[in-house]
Amino acid sequence: MTTTTQTTTNQINAVSEASRFALGVGITSVSLFGLWACACMVSAIMNNGIVEVVKGLLGAIA
């Protein structure tokens, strides 16, 4: 009686996995920052009005 066994080896590329993880963390954090910035802008517009917000933005740039 003979038994056939098949073995497979999985090699993990640690650099590629770490890079993929770092990219995911970066994209997630940038998305959260952008969402927070939009929420702050909407809040400023609701509290001060669009004209005052534009004046403030132009004053900050110039």
N, C-alpha and C. Protein backbone atom coordinates (compact mmCIF):
# COMPACT_ATOMS: atom_id res chain seq x y z
N MET A 1 0.84 -1.16 0.00
CA MET A 1 0.00 0.00 0.00
C MET A 1 0.89 1.24 0.00
N THR A 2 0.61 2.17 -0.91
CA THR A 2 1.40 3.39 -0.98
C THR A 2 0.51 4.60 -0.71
N THR A 3 1.11 5.58 -0.08
CA THR A 3 0.38 6.81 0.23
C THR A 3 1.10 7.97 -0.45
N THR A 4 0.33 8.78 -1.12
CA THR A 4 0.90 9.93 -1.79
C THR A 4 0.57 11.17 -0.97
N THR A 5 1.59 11.88 -0.62
CA THR A 5 1.39 13.15 0.10
C THR A 5 1.92 14.28 -0.74
N GLN A 6 1.23 15.37 -0.67
CA GLN A 6 1.63 16.53 -1.44
C GLN A 6 1.83 17.68 -0.46
N THR A 7 2.99 18.28 -0.52
CA THR A 7 3.28 19.40 0.37
C THR A 7 3.43 20.67 -0.45
N THR A 8 2.95 21.74 0.11
CA THR A 8 3.10 23.04 -0.54
C THR A 8 3.78 23.99 0.43
N THR A 9 4.52 24.88 -0.11
CA THR A 9 5.21 25.87 0.71
C THR A 9 4.71 27.24 0.31
N ASN A 10 4.27 28.00 1.30
CA ASN A 10 3.83 29.37 1.05
C ASN A 10 4.90 30.32 1.55
N GLN A 11 5.39 31.11 0.63
CA GLN A 11 6.40 32.09 1.01
C GLN A 11 5.72 33.46 1.08
N ILE A 12 5.95 34.15 2.17
CA ILE A 12 5.36 35.46 2.37
C ILE A 12 6.44 36.51 2.18
N ASN A 13 6.15 37.46 1.34
CA ASN A 13 7.07 38.56 1.12
C ASN A 13 6.75 39.64 2.16
N ALA A 14 7.56 39.71 3.20
CA ALA A 14 7.28 40.61 4.33
C ALA A 14 7.32 42.07 3.92
N VAL A 15 8.20 42.43 3.03
CA VAL A 15 8.30 43.82 2.60
C VAL A 15 7.03 44.23 1.86
N SER A 16 6.55 43.37 1.00
CA SER A 16 5.33 43.67 0.26
C SER A 16 4.13 43.78 1.19
N GLU A 17 4.03 42.89 2.15
CA GLU A 17 2.92 42.93 3.09
C GLU A 17 2.98 44.17 3.96
N ALA A 18 4.15 44.54 4.43
CA ALA A 18 4.30 45.74 5.26
C ALA A 18 3.97 46.98 4.45
N SER A 19 4.40 47.01 3.20
CA SER A 19 4.11 48.14 2.33
C SER A 19 2.60 48.25 2.08
N ARG A 20 1.95 47.15 1.85
CA ARG A 20 0.51 47.15 1.61
C ARG A 20 -0.24 47.64 2.86
N PHE A 21 0.21 47.21 4.03
CA PHE A 21 -0.41 47.64 5.28
C PHE A 21 -0.22 49.14 5.49
N ALA A 22 0.99 49.63 5.27
CA ALA A 22 1.28 51.05 5.45
C ALA A 22 0.46 51.90 4.48
N LEU A 23 0.31 51.43 3.26
CA LEU A 23 -0.50 52.15 2.28
C LEU A 23 -1.95 52.21 2.72
N GLY A 24 -2.47 51.12 3.25
CA GLY A 24 -3.84 51.11 3.76
C GLY A 24 -4.04 52.06 4.92
N VAL A 25 -3.08 52.08 5.84
CA VAL A 25 -3.15 53.00 6.98
C VAL A 25 -3.10 54.45 6.50
N GLY A 26 -2.22 54.72 5.55
CA GLY A 26 -2.09 56.08 5.01
C GLY A 26 -3.36 56.54 4.32
N ILE A 27 -3.94 55.70 3.50
CA ILE A 27 -5.16 56.07 2.78
C ILE A 27 -6.30 56.29 3.76
N THR A 28 -6.40 55.44 4.78
CA THR A 28 -7.46 55.58 5.77
C THR A 28 -7.31 56.88 6.55
N SER A 29 -6.10 57.19 6.98
CA SER A 29 -5.92 58.41 7.78
C SER A 29 -6.14 59.66 6.93
N VAL A 30 -5.71 59.67 5.69
CA VAL A 30 -5.94 60.82 4.82
C VAL A 30 -7.44 61.00 4.56
N SER A 31 -8.16 59.91 4.41
CA SER A 31 -9.61 59.98 4.22
C SER A 31 -10.30 60.57 5.45
N LEU A 32 -9.86 60.15 6.63
CA LEU A 32 -10.44 60.70 7.86
C LEU A 32 -10.13 62.18 8.01
N PHE A 33 -8.91 62.59 7.69
CA PHE A 33 -8.56 64.01 7.76
C PHE A 33 -9.40 64.83 6.78
N GLY A 34 -9.59 64.33 5.59
CA GLY A 34 -10.41 65.04 4.61
C GLY A 34 -11.86 65.15 5.04
N LEU A 35 -12.39 64.08 5.62
CA LEU A 35 -13.77 64.11 6.13
C LEU A 35 -13.91 65.12 7.25
N TRP A 36 -12.92 65.17 8.14
CA TRP A 36 -12.93 66.13 9.25
C TRP A 36 -12.84 67.56 8.71
N ALA A 37 -12.02 67.80 7.71
CA ALA A 37 -11.89 69.13 7.12
C ALA A 37 -13.21 69.58 6.49
N CYS A 38 -13.89 68.67 5.81
CA CYS A 38 -15.19 69.01 5.21
C CYS A 38 -16.21 69.33 6.30
N ALA A 39 -16.21 68.56 7.37
CA ALA A 39 -17.13 68.82 8.48
C ALA A 39 -16.85 70.19 9.11
N CYS A 40 -15.59 70.54 9.26
CA CYS A 40 -15.23 71.85 9.81
C CYS A 40 -15.65 72.98 8.88
N MET A 41 -15.49 72.79 7.59
CA MET A 41 -15.88 73.81 6.63
C MET A 41 -17.39 74.01 6.63
N VAL A 42 -18.14 72.94 6.67
CA VAL A 42 -19.60 73.05 6.73
C VAL A 42 -20.02 73.74 8.02
N SER A 43 -19.39 73.42 9.12
CA SER A 43 -19.69 74.06 10.40
C SER A 43 -19.40 75.56 10.34
N ALA A 44 -18.28 75.95 9.76
CA ALA A 44 -17.93 77.37 9.64
C ALA A 44 -18.94 78.10 8.77
N ILE A 45 -19.35 77.48 7.69
CA ILE A 45 -20.34 78.11 6.80
C ILE A 45 -21.68 78.26 7.51
N MET A 46 -22.07 77.27 8.27
CA MET A 46 -23.35 77.34 8.98
C MET A 46 -23.32 78.39 10.08
N ASN A 47 -22.19 78.56 10.75
CA ASN A 47 -22.10 79.52 11.84
C ASN A 47 -21.89 80.95 11.37
N ASN A 48 -21.11 81.15 10.32
CA ASN A 48 -20.71 82.50 9.92
C ASN A 48 -21.27 82.95 8.58
N GLY A 49 -21.73 82.06 7.78
CA GLY A 49 -22.21 82.42 6.44
C GLY A 49 -21.08 82.29 5.43
N ILE A 50 -21.47 82.11 4.19
CA ILE A 50 -20.51 81.85 3.13
C ILE A 50 -19.61 83.07 2.87
N VAL A 51 -20.18 84.27 2.98
CA VAL A 51 -19.40 85.48 2.68
C VAL A 51 -18.27 85.65 3.70
N GLU A 52 -18.57 85.47 4.97
CA GLU A 52 -17.54 85.62 6.01
C GLU A 52 -16.46 84.54 5.89
N VAL A 53 -16.87 83.34 5.52
CA VAL A 53 -15.89 82.26 5.36
C VAL A 53 -14.96 82.56 4.19
N VAL A 54 -15.51 83.05 3.08
CA VAL A 54 -14.67 83.39 1.93
C VAL A 54 -13.73 84.54 2.28
N LYS A 55 -14.24 85.56 3.01
CA LYS A 55 -13.38 86.67 3.44
C LYS A 55 -12.24 86.14 4.33
N GLY A 56 -12.56 85.24 5.23
CA GLY A 56 -11.53 84.67 6.10
C GLY A 56 -10.50 83.87 5.34
N LEU A 57 -10.96 83.09 4.36
CA LEU A 57 -10.03 82.31 3.54
C LEU A 57 -9.10 83.21 2.73
N LEU A 58 -9.68 84.24 2.13
CA LEU A 58 -8.86 85.16 1.33
C LEU A 58 -7.89 85.94 2.23
N GLY A 59 -8.33 86.30 3.43
CA GLY A 59 -7.44 86.98 4.36
C GLY A 59 -6.31 86.09 4.83
N ALA A 60 -6.57 84.79 4.98
CA ALA A 60 -5.54 83.86 5.40
C ALA A 60 -4.52 83.61 4.30
N ILE A 61 -4.98 83.61 3.06
CA ILE A 61 -4.08 83.36 1.92
C ILE A 61 -3.22 84.57 1.65
N ALA A 62 -3.81 85.74 1.68
CA ALA A 62 -3.09 86.98 1.33
C ALA A 62 -2.25 87.51 2.46
